[in-house]
């Protein structure tokens, strides 16, 4: 079990070709911004050789500039398909094999978990089937606003060397930021170049993507949209360093539509061949008929190839139709998903609905002496724990391998989160001491005894 944790503004639109975004999609985007779900949305739609851009909102509330196709956003986990294209490029050049064991590329002294005599391979990382968890259990950021910035390579190695796989390698798909971040790190070790260098040299520069990078230039910073959480509160940008391959890239719709168009192309350059290899089905989970490429996911009976992304204040969607000639990029500077917009552009029969408005209870004040009694570690399972900490009058909740989030008091022993629809109830034993907590999320009520 994991917590589901990793805007009325002026209208502006540009179209550079005859093909236009549908009025239905435009109206939905306007409503999303006008009714306070997103600060801005930037969309690029390509069909054949034509491209349309549709932009609505501002780079910051309330006095930012109108967003356009050159506005910079964090694209989060869409970075993962860049990582897999870099892997595919090395495979086609004969420098790597998908069957290569991960342990082959890491320093001596770093132990990679095995199971049943099977080693984790590069393909296992690229298809999220390694058995590694979504995030390492020693991921304990000092700054929840920028949670990845202080996670080091040494911590990564320490986790890998101590982790025991819960199931056979390749037995099950489990989305893993850890695994894809590790793949990006291996590419760095293998090539002797940083992940950012590889992205720029092998993908961005050949495609003319001049505003795609990890490190923000002065020019990119001036065009950067401020990130907002789901409550439209400004949040920090994320600096992802040791796990860069999982989600560190920043870009624009102008650049990203070039990336999508290259993925749709049938050209035979080394880069295009690597992209084509990344689209091919690389793993099938027979019991659920689930399939995945190298990083890329499929929808609509495998006719749509896609990936989404999200950081603290941004969401992104990239996809294209395999049997047609359309592609789409949707970027927003708010932690409110735009996946449905992307799918609607690619499959007109898909429905668009405004997100559910989340309301929160009134916040009450609880004495610090009472808050202190809730501090501790609560065990959902041996592999999944929830740690409660306190800073002054503020409680924080941190689940295994995840960021730390604020807990707000609705009553003396009832608290709720704002980042996700979830709440916790603290239970007291007969001796008056806090003995457990119950997590309420998604219709489930999950008890967790206090173990520390």
Protein backbone atom coordinates (compact mmCIF):
# COMPACT_ATOMS: atom_id res chain seq x y z
CA UNK A 1 0.00 0.00 0.00
CA UNK A 2 1.28 3.43 -0.90
CA UNK A 3 -0.06 6.91 -0.35
CA UNK A 4 -0.87 8.49 -3.70
CA UNK A 5 1.86 11.15 -3.23
CA UNK A 6 5.90 11.13 -5.82
CA UNK A 7 -6.09 28.63 -11.84
CA UNK A 8 -9.58 33.18 -13.63
CA UNK A 9 -6.77 34.30 -15.92
CA UNK A 10 -6.44 35.94 -19.33
CA UNK A 11 -6.77 33.74 -22.39
CA UNK A 12 -3.99 33.45 -24.95
CA UNK A 13 -3.74 31.10 -27.90
CA UNK A 14 -1.53 30.62 -30.91
CA UNK A 15 -1.97 28.40 -33.94
CA UNK A 16 0.86 27.91 -36.41
CA UNK A 17 -0.91 25.66 -38.86
CA UNK A 18 -4.33 24.87 -40.27
CA UNK A 19 -4.99 22.00 -37.86
CA UNK A 20 -6.59 23.30 -34.67
CA UNK A 21 -7.21 21.90 -31.21
CA UNK A 22 -10.91 21.06 -30.90
CA UNK A 23 -13.23 23.60 -29.29
CA UNK A 24 -14.23 20.98 -26.73
CA UNK A 25 -10.65 20.72 -25.52
CA UNK A 26 -10.18 24.50 -25.56
CA UNK A 27 -13.34 25.03 -23.50
CA UNK A 28 -12.24 22.41 -21.00
CA UNK A 29 -8.80 23.98 -20.61
CA UNK A 30 -10.37 27.41 -20.08
CA UNK A 31 -12.69 25.95 -17.45
CA UNK A 32 -9.82 24.22 -15.68
CA UNK A 33 -8.00 27.54 -15.32
CA UNK A 34 -11.00 29.81 -14.76
CA UNK A 35 -12.46 27.58 -12.05
CA UNK A 36 -9.20 27.28 -10.15
CA UNK A 37 -7.93 23.79 -10.92
CA UNK A 38 -4.79 24.82 -12.82
CA UNK A 39 -2.71 28.00 -12.91
CA UNK A 40 -2.01 27.56 -16.63
CA UNK A 41 -2.13 24.88 -19.30
CA UNK A 42 0.05 24.78 -22.42
CA UNK A 43 -0.80 22.30 -25.17
CA UNK A 44 0.88 21.37 -28.44
CA UNK A 45 -1.00 19.24 -30.97
CA UNK A 46 0.67 17.80 -34.03
CA UNK A 47 -0.99 16.11 -36.97
CA UNK A 48 1.17 15.15 -39.89
CA UNK A 49 3.49 18.09 -40.52
CA UNK A 50 1.24 20.67 -38.88
CA UNK A 51 1.35 21.88 -35.30
CA UNK A 52 -1.06 23.93 -33.20
CA UNK A 53 -0.30 25.51 -29.83
CA UNK A 54 -3.02 26.42 -27.36
CA UNK A 55 -2.10 28.26 -24.17
CA UNK A 56 -4.22 29.59 -21.35
CA UNK A 57 -3.22 31.21 -18.09
CA UNK A 58 -0.21 32.93 -16.63
CA UNK A 59 3.23 31.90 -15.45
CA UNK A 60 2.38 33.03 -11.91
CA UNK A 61 -0.69 34.10 -9.95
CA UNK A 62 -1.90 36.80 -10.23
CA UNK A 63 0.61 38.94 -12.09
CA UNK A 64 2.67 36.58 -14.23
CA UNK A 65 2.98 36.77 -17.99
CA UNK A 66 0.74 34.91 -20.41
CA UNK A 67 2.06 31.41 -21.02
CA UNK A 68 3.03 30.39 -24.55
CA UNK A 69 4.85 27.57 -26.33
CA UNK A 70 8.17 28.81 -24.92
CA UNK A 71 7.11 28.77 -21.26
CA UNK A 72 9.27 26.37 -19.24
CA UNK A 73 7.70 23.64 -17.08
CA UNK A 74 9.02 20.63 -15.19
CA UNK A 75 8.03 17.48 -17.11
CA UNK A 76 8.71 15.04 -14.25
CA UNK A 77 8.50 11.37 -15.16
CA UNK A 78 8.32 11.98 -18.90
CA UNK A 79 12.08 12.11 -18.32
CA UNK A 80 11.89 8.32 -17.99
CA UNK A 81 11.28 7.85 -21.72
CA UNK A 82 14.33 10.01 -22.44
CA UNK A 83 16.27 7.65 -20.18
CA UNK A 84 15.00 4.59 -22.04
CA UNK A 85 15.75 6.13 -25.45
CA UNK A 86 19.33 6.70 -24.27
CA UNK A 87 19.43 3.04 -23.22
CA UNK A 88 18.02 1.93 -26.58
CA UNK A 89 20.63 4.02 -28.37
CA UNK A 90 23.43 2.26 -26.49
CA UNK A 91 21.85 -1.13 -27.23
CA UNK A 92 21.63 -0.43 -30.97
CA UNK A 93 25.24 0.75 -30.98
CA UNK A 94 26.28 -2.57 -29.41
CA UNK A 95 27.58 -0.86 -26.28
CA UNK A 96 24.94 -2.35 -23.97
CA UNK A 97 22.52 -5.24 -23.94
CA UNK A 98 19.08 -5.22 -22.37
CA UNK A 99 20.12 -8.50 -20.73
CA UNK A 100 23.13 -6.94 -19.02
CA UNK A 101 22.95 -7.34 -15.22
CA UNK A 102 22.80 -4.10 -13.27
CA UNK A 103 25.62 -5.27 -11.00
CA UNK A 104 28.02 -5.19 -13.97
CA UNK A 105 28.07 -1.38 -13.97
CA UNK A 106 28.20 -0.49 -10.29
CA UNK A 107 31.31 -0.12 -8.11
CA UNK A 108 32.69 -3.05 -6.18
CA UNK A 109 31.16 -3.26 -2.77
CA UNK A 110 27.69 -2.35 -4.00
CA UNK A 111 25.45 -5.40 -3.75
CA UNK A 112 22.45 -5.62 -6.05
CA UNK A 113 19.62 -7.80 -4.69
CA UNK A 114 18.99 -11.10 -6.45
CA UNK A 115 16.24 -13.66 -6.16
CA UNK A 116 16.00 -17.32 -7.15
CA UNK A 117 19.35 -17.09 -8.88
CA UNK A 118 18.15 -14.30 -11.17
CA UNK A 119 19.87 -10.92 -11.43
CA UNK A 120 18.20 -7.60 -12.16
CA UNK A 121 18.92 -6.52 -15.74
CA UNK A 122 18.78 -3.21 -17.58
CA UNK A 123 15.55 -4.35 -19.23
CA UNK A 124 14.01 -5.01 -15.81
CA UNK A 125 14.75 -1.41 -14.81
CA UNK A 126 13.37 -0.02 -18.10
CA UNK A 127 10.11 -1.97 -17.75
CA UNK A 128 9.55 -1.45 -14.00
CA UNK A 129 9.78 -5.19 -13.36
CA UNK A 130 12.95 -5.35 -11.26
CA UNK A 131 11.16 -5.89 -7.95
CA UNK A 132 12.64 -2.65 -6.63
CA UNK A 133 10.11 -0.41 -4.85
CA UNK A 134 8.74 2.91 -6.06
CA UNK A 135 11.15 4.75 -3.76
CA UNK A 136 13.97 3.65 -1.44
CA UNK A 137 13.11 3.31 2.23
CA UNK A 138 16.03 5.57 3.22
CA UNK A 139 14.53 8.47 1.27
CA UNK A 140 14.11 10.96 4.11
CA UNK A 141 14.32 14.48 2.67
CA UNK A 142 15.24 17.33 4.95
CA UNK A 143 13.17 19.68 2.77
CA UNK A 144 9.79 18.29 1.73
CA UNK A 145 9.45 21.19 -0.73
CA UNK A 146 12.51 19.94 -2.67
CA UNK A 147 12.62 16.30 -1.60
CA UNK A 148 15.19 14.81 -3.98
CA UNK A 149 17.89 17.43 -3.65
CA UNK A 150 19.71 15.79 -0.73
CA UNK A 151 19.36 12.13 -1.74
CA UNK A 152 22.90 10.98 -2.51
CA UNK A 153 24.47 8.23 -4.58
CA UNK A 154 25.86 6.77 -1.36
CA UNK A 155 22.33 6.50 0.03
CA UNK A 156 21.25 4.83 -3.19
CA UNK A 157 24.07 2.29 -2.90
CA UNK A 158 23.35 1.70 0.79
CA UNK A 159 19.71 0.96 0.04
CA UNK A 160 20.48 -1.41 -2.84
CA UNK A 161 23.02 -3.29 -0.75
CA UNK A 162 20.52 -3.92 2.05
CA UNK A 163 17.26 -4.46 0.15
CA UNK A 164 15.57 -7.84 -0.16
CA UNK A 165 13.32 -8.33 -3.16
CA UNK A 166 9.72 -9.20 -2.16
CA UNK A 167 9.07 -11.35 -5.25
CA UNK A 168 10.74 -12.88 -8.28
CA UNK A 169 12.37 -10.50 -10.73
CA UNK A 170 10.12 -9.99 -13.75
CA UNK A 171 7.08 -11.43 -11.97
CA UNK A 172 5.18 -8.14 -11.70
CA UNK A 173 5.13 -4.56 -12.96
CA UNK A 174 5.64 -2.03 -10.16
CA UNK A 175 6.30 1.55 -11.18
CA UNK A 176 9.67 2.50 -9.73
CA UNK A 177 11.24 5.95 -9.62
CA UNK A 178 14.13 4.24 -7.88
CA UNK A 179 14.64 1.75 -10.71
CA UNK A 180 14.54 4.34 -13.49
CA UNK A 181 16.76 6.69 -11.51
CA UNK A 182 19.22 3.82 -11.12
CA UNK A 183 19.11 3.22 -14.89
CA UNK A 184 19.99 6.87 -15.52
CA UNK A 185 22.86 6.58 -13.04
CA UNK A 186 24.14 3.46 -14.80
CA UNK A 187 24.12 5.30 -18.12
CA UNK A 188 26.25 7.98 -16.47
CA UNK A 189 28.75 5.43 -15.18
CA UNK A 190 28.80 3.59 -18.51
CA UNK A 191 29.38 6.67 -20.69
CA UNK A 192 31.38 8.85 -18.31
CA UNK A 193 28.94 11.71 -18.95
CA UNK A 194 26.25 13.25 -16.77
CA UNK A 195 22.64 12.37 -17.43
CA UNK A 196 22.00 15.96 -18.49
CA UNK A 197 24.88 15.86 -20.98
CA UNK A 198 23.49 12.67 -22.50
CA UNK A 199 19.99 14.12 -22.85
CA UNK A 200 21.25 17.33 -24.46
CA UNK A 201 23.87 15.77 -26.73
CA UNK A 202 21.92 12.77 -27.96
CA UNK A 203 18.29 13.95 -27.95
CA UNK A 204 17.78 17.67 -27.39
CA UNK A 205 20.48 19.08 -29.67
CA UNK A 206 19.78 16.80 -32.67
CA UNK A 207 16.09 17.71 -32.46
CA UNK A 208 16.66 21.44 -31.95
CA UNK A 209 15.23 21.38 -28.43
CA UNK A 210 17.06 24.44 -27.15
CA UNK A 211 14.99 24.86 -23.96
CA UNK A 212 15.24 21.28 -22.71
CA UNK A 213 17.63 20.71 -19.83
CA UNK A 214 17.91 19.98 -16.14
CA UNK A 215 19.96 23.01 -15.16
CA UNK A 216 17.95 26.17 -15.73
CA UNK A 217 19.79 28.79 -17.78
CA UNK A 218 19.11 32.47 -17.06
CA UNK A 219 16.87 32.58 -20.14
CA UNK A 220 14.93 29.48 -19.08
CA UNK A 221 14.52 30.89 -15.57
CA UNK A 222 12.91 34.04 -17.00
CA UNK A 223 10.41 31.84 -18.88
CA UNK A 224 9.79 29.39 -16.03
CA UNK A 225 6.21 28.99 -14.82
CA UNK A 226 5.91 29.01 -11.03
CA UNK A 227 4.76 25.65 -9.68
CA UNK A 228 1.61 25.35 -7.56
CA UNK A 229 0.18 22.58 -5.43
CA UNK A 230 -3.43 21.44 -5.78
CA UNK A 231 -4.56 24.24 -3.47
CA UNK A 232 -2.89 26.82 -5.77
CA UNK A 233 -0.20 27.58 -3.21
CA UNK A 234 3.24 28.25 -4.76
CA UNK A 235 5.77 25.48 -4.20
CA UNK A 236 9.47 24.98 -4.85
CA UNK A 237 11.00 23.51 -7.95
CA UNK A 238 12.43 20.03 -7.59
CA UNK A 239 16.15 19.42 -8.07
CA UNK A 240 16.59 15.70 -8.80
CA UNK A 241 20.25 14.80 -8.81
CA UNK A 242 21.22 11.20 -8.04
CA UNK A 243 17.94 9.89 -9.52
CA UNK A 244 17.82 12.36 -12.43
CA UNK A 245 16.78 9.70 -14.93
CA UNK A 246 13.48 9.35 -13.09
CA UNK A 247 12.21 12.90 -13.52
CA UNK A 248 14.65 15.83 -13.61
CA UNK A 249 14.05 17.41 -17.05
CA UNK A 250 12.52 20.85 -17.73
CA UNK A 251 11.14 21.76 -21.15
CA UNK A 252 8.53 23.64 -23.20
CA UNK A 253 5.67 22.58 -25.48
CA UNK A 254 7.64 24.00 -28.43
CA UNK A 255 10.51 21.63 -27.66
CA UNK A 256 8.43 18.68 -26.55
CA UNK A 257 6.34 18.63 -29.73
CA UNK A 258 9.60 18.19 -31.62
CA UNK A 259 10.32 15.23 -29.37
CA UNK A 260 6.89 13.69 -29.99
CA UNK A 261 7.13 14.29 -33.74
CA UNK A 262 10.50 12.55 -33.79
CA UNK A 263 8.96 9.59 -31.98
CA UNK A 264 6.23 9.45 -34.66
CA UNK A 265 8.70 9.69 -37.54
CA UNK A 266 9.86 6.75 -39.66
CA UNK A 267 13.34 8.13 -40.31
CA UNK A 268 16.35 5.87 -39.92
CA UNK A 269 18.85 8.02 -38.02
CA UNK A 270 20.41 6.45 -34.92
CA UNK A 271 18.17 8.56 -32.68
CA UNK A 272 14.99 7.64 -34.55
CA UNK A 273 15.90 3.96 -34.44
CA UNK A 274 16.45 4.20 -30.70
CA UNK A 275 13.05 5.82 -30.30
CA UNK A 276 11.40 3.11 -32.38
CA UNK A 277 13.03 0.40 -30.27
CA UNK A 278 11.74 2.07 -27.10
CA UNK A 279 8.15 1.82 -28.42
CA UNK A 280 8.20 -1.93 -28.89
CA UNK A 281 6.54 -4.15 -26.30
CA UNK A 282 9.31 -5.24 -23.94
CA UNK A 283 7.31 -6.90 -21.19
CA UNK A 284 3.94 -8.60 -20.90
CA UNK A 285 2.32 -9.55 -17.61
CA UNK A 286 0.22 -12.51 -18.66
CA UNK A 287 -2.29 -12.61 -15.80
CA UNK A 288 -3.41 -9.02 -16.39
CA UNK A 289 -2.53 -8.71 -20.08
CA UNK A 290 -0.48 -5.65 -19.16
CA UNK A 291 2.22 -4.56 -21.59
CA UNK A 292 4.92 -1.92 -21.53
CA UNK A 293 7.69 -0.79 -23.85
CA UNK A 294 11.02 0.60 -22.72
CA UNK A 295 9.53 3.23 -20.42
CA UNK A 296 6.52 3.95 -22.65
CA UNK A 297 3.01 2.88 -21.61
CA UNK A 298 0.08 1.96 -23.84
CA UNK A 299 -3.61 2.87 -23.91
CA UNK A 300 -6.71 2.25 -26.05
CA UNK A 301 -5.76 -1.32 -27.04
CA UNK A 302 -2.13 -0.30 -27.50
CA UNK A 303 -3.00 2.30 -30.18
CA UNK A 304 -1.77 5.14 -27.96
CA UNK A 305 1.80 5.35 -26.64
CA UNK A 306 2.12 7.69 -23.69
CA UNK A 307 3.80 8.78 -20.50
CA UNK A 308 2.89 11.35 -17.90
CA UNK A 309 4.86 13.21 -15.29
CA UNK A 310 4.53 15.15 -12.08
CA UNK A 311 6.66 17.02 -9.58
CA UNK A 312 5.62 19.13 -6.60
CA UNK A 313 3.98 21.88 -8.67
CA UNK A 314 3.73 20.51 -12.20
CA UNK A 315 1.97 17.83 -14.25
CA UNK A 316 2.66 16.75 -17.84
CA UNK A 317 1.39 14.37 -20.51
CA UNK A 318 3.03 13.21 -23.74
CA UNK A 319 1.55 10.77 -26.23
CA UNK A 320 0.99 9.81 -29.83
CA UNK A 321 -1.14 7.46 -31.90
CA UNK A 322 0.69 4.46 -33.31
CA UNK A 323 -1.58 3.89 -36.31
CA UNK A 324 -2.06 7.54 -37.19
CA UNK A 325 -0.06 10.71 -37.37
CA UNK A 326 -1.11 12.67 -34.29
CA UNK A 327 0.73 13.57 -31.14
CA UNK A 328 0.16 15.79 -28.12
CA UNK A 329 1.99 17.51 -25.27
CA UNK A 330 0.14 19.00 -22.30
CA UNK A 331 2.02 20.89 -19.56
CA UNK A 332 0.70 22.63 -16.47
CA UNK A 333 2.27 24.40 -13.50
CA UNK A 334 -0.13 22.85 -11.00
CA UNK A 335 -0.29 19.51 -9.21
CA UNK A 336 -3.55 18.67 -11.01
CA UNK A 337 -3.42 15.95 -13.67
CA UNK A 338 -3.85 16.81 -17.36
CA UNK A 339 -3.79 13.20 -18.58
CA UNK A 340 -7.44 13.30 -19.60
CA UNK A 341 -6.79 16.28 -21.88
CA UNK A 342 -3.97 14.46 -23.64
CA UNK A 343 -6.01 11.30 -24.11
CA UNK A 344 -8.99 13.32 -25.41
CA UNK A 345 -6.83 14.92 -28.10
CA UNK A 346 -5.62 11.50 -29.23
CA UNK A 347 -8.95 9.67 -28.86
CA UNK A 348 -11.92 11.97 -29.38
CA UNK A 349 -14.38 9.51 -27.83
CA UNK A 350 -12.68 9.94 -24.45
CA UNK A 351 -14.62 12.06 -21.96
CA UNK A 352 -13.47 15.24 -20.29
CA UNK A 353 -14.66 16.07 -16.78
CA UNK A 354 -13.52 18.73 -14.38
CA UNK A 355 -11.65 17.31 -11.38
CA UNK A 356 -13.57 16.75 -8.20
CA UNK A 357 -13.41 19.75 -5.93
CA UNK A 358 -11.73 18.79 -2.68
CA UNK A 359 -12.99 20.42 0.50
CA UNK A 360 -11.18 20.24 3.81
CA UNK A 361 -12.45 20.45 7.40
CA UNK A 362 -11.83 23.56 9.45
CA UNK A 363 -8.44 23.46 11.10
CA UNK A 364 -8.48 23.47 14.88
CA UNK A 365 -5.66 24.18 17.30
CA UNK A 366 -4.22 21.32 19.32
CA UNK A 367 -1.82 21.84 22.21
CA UNK A 368 1.80 21.00 21.51
CA UNK A 369 1.85 18.66 24.50
CA UNK A 370 -0.90 16.61 22.84
CA UNK A 371 0.76 16.74 19.42
CA UNK A 372 3.94 15.37 20.97
CA UNK A 373 2.12 12.21 22.07
CA UNK A 374 1.41 11.36 18.42
CA UNK A 375 5.08 11.50 17.40
CA UNK A 376 6.48 8.07 16.55
CA UNK A 377 6.59 5.25 14.03
CA UNK A 378 3.45 3.33 13.03
CA UNK A 379 3.69 0.01 11.20
CA UNK A 380 1.26 -0.77 8.36
CA UNK A 381 3.41 -3.76 7.39
CA UNK A 382 7.03 -4.78 8.02
CA UNK A 383 7.98 -3.08 4.74
CA UNK A 384 5.75 -0.02 5.06
CA UNK A 385 5.78 2.35 8.01
CA UNK A 386 4.42 5.81 8.67
CA UNK A 387 6.53 8.22 10.71
CA UNK A 388 4.91 11.15 12.52
CA UNK A 389 7.13 14.08 13.47
CA UNK A 390 6.48 17.53 14.92
CA UNK A 391 7.86 21.03 14.44
CA UNK A 392 6.21 23.42 16.87
CA UNK A 393 2.43 23.27 16.31
CA UNK A 394 2.74 21.37 13.02
CA UNK A 395 2.61 17.57 12.64
CA UNK A 396 4.15 15.86 9.63
CA UNK A 397 3.49 12.44 8.11
CA UNK A 398 6.08 10.52 6.12
CA UNK A 399 5.44 7.08 4.63
CA UNK A 400 8.28 4.70 3.78
CA UNK A 401 10.18 5.94 0.74
CA UNK A 402 8.08 9.06 0.34
CA UNK A 403 8.22 12.77 1.06
CA UNK A 404 7.14 14.38 4.32
CA UNK A 405 3.75 16.11 4.30
CA UNK A 406 1.87 18.36 6.71
CA UNK A 407 -0.96 16.97 8.84
CA UNK A 408 -3.75 19.37 9.77
CA UNK A 409 -5.97 18.95 12.85
CA UNK A 410 -9.72 18.62 12.36
CA UNK A 411 -10.15 17.51 15.99
CA UNK A 412 -7.82 16.69 18.85
CA UNK A 413 -7.10 13.20 17.49
CA UNK A 414 -8.28 13.59 13.87
CA UNK A 415 -5.90 14.92 11.23
CA UNK A 416 -5.99 15.24 7.43
CA UNK A 417 -3.61 15.75 4.51
CA UNK A 418 -4.05 18.28 1.72
CA UNK A 419 -1.81 16.63 -0.88
CA UNK A 420 -4.12 13.64 -1.15
CA UNK A 421 -7.58 12.76 0.12
CA UNK A 422 -6.57 10.95 3.28
CA UNK A 423 -6.89 11.34 7.01
CA UNK A 424 -5.59 9.69 10.16
CA UNK A 425 -7.14 8.98 13.55
CA UNK A 426 -4.90 8.45 16.58
CA UNK A 427 -6.08 5.81 19.05
CA UNK A 428 -5.39 5.85 22.78
CA UNK A 429 -5.05 2.77 24.98
CA UNK A 430 -6.52 2.41 28.46
CA UNK A 431 -3.32 3.68 30.01
CA UNK A 432 -3.80 6.97 28.13
CA UNK A 433 -0.90 6.47 25.78
CA UNK A 434 -1.25 6.60 21.99
CA UNK A 435 -1.22 2.99 20.83
CA UNK A 436 -2.00 3.14 17.11
CA UNK A 437 -3.28 5.19 14.22
CA UNK A 438 -5.79 4.41 11.48
CA UNK A 439 -5.20 5.66 7.96
CA UNK A 440 -8.37 6.45 6.00
CA UNK A 441 -7.82 6.62 2.24
CA UNK A 442 -9.73 5.53 -0.85
CA UNK A 443 -12.49 3.91 1.18
CA UNK A 444 -9.99 1.85 3.16
CA UNK A 445 -9.39 2.05 6.90
CA UNK A 446 -5.91 0.76 7.60
CA UNK A 447 -4.78 0.23 11.20
CA UNK A 448 -1.15 0.81 12.12
CA UNK A 449 0.10 0.05 15.65
CA UNK A 450 2.67 2.40 17.13
CA UNK A 451 5.97 0.52 17.24
CA UNK A 452 8.36 3.29 18.27
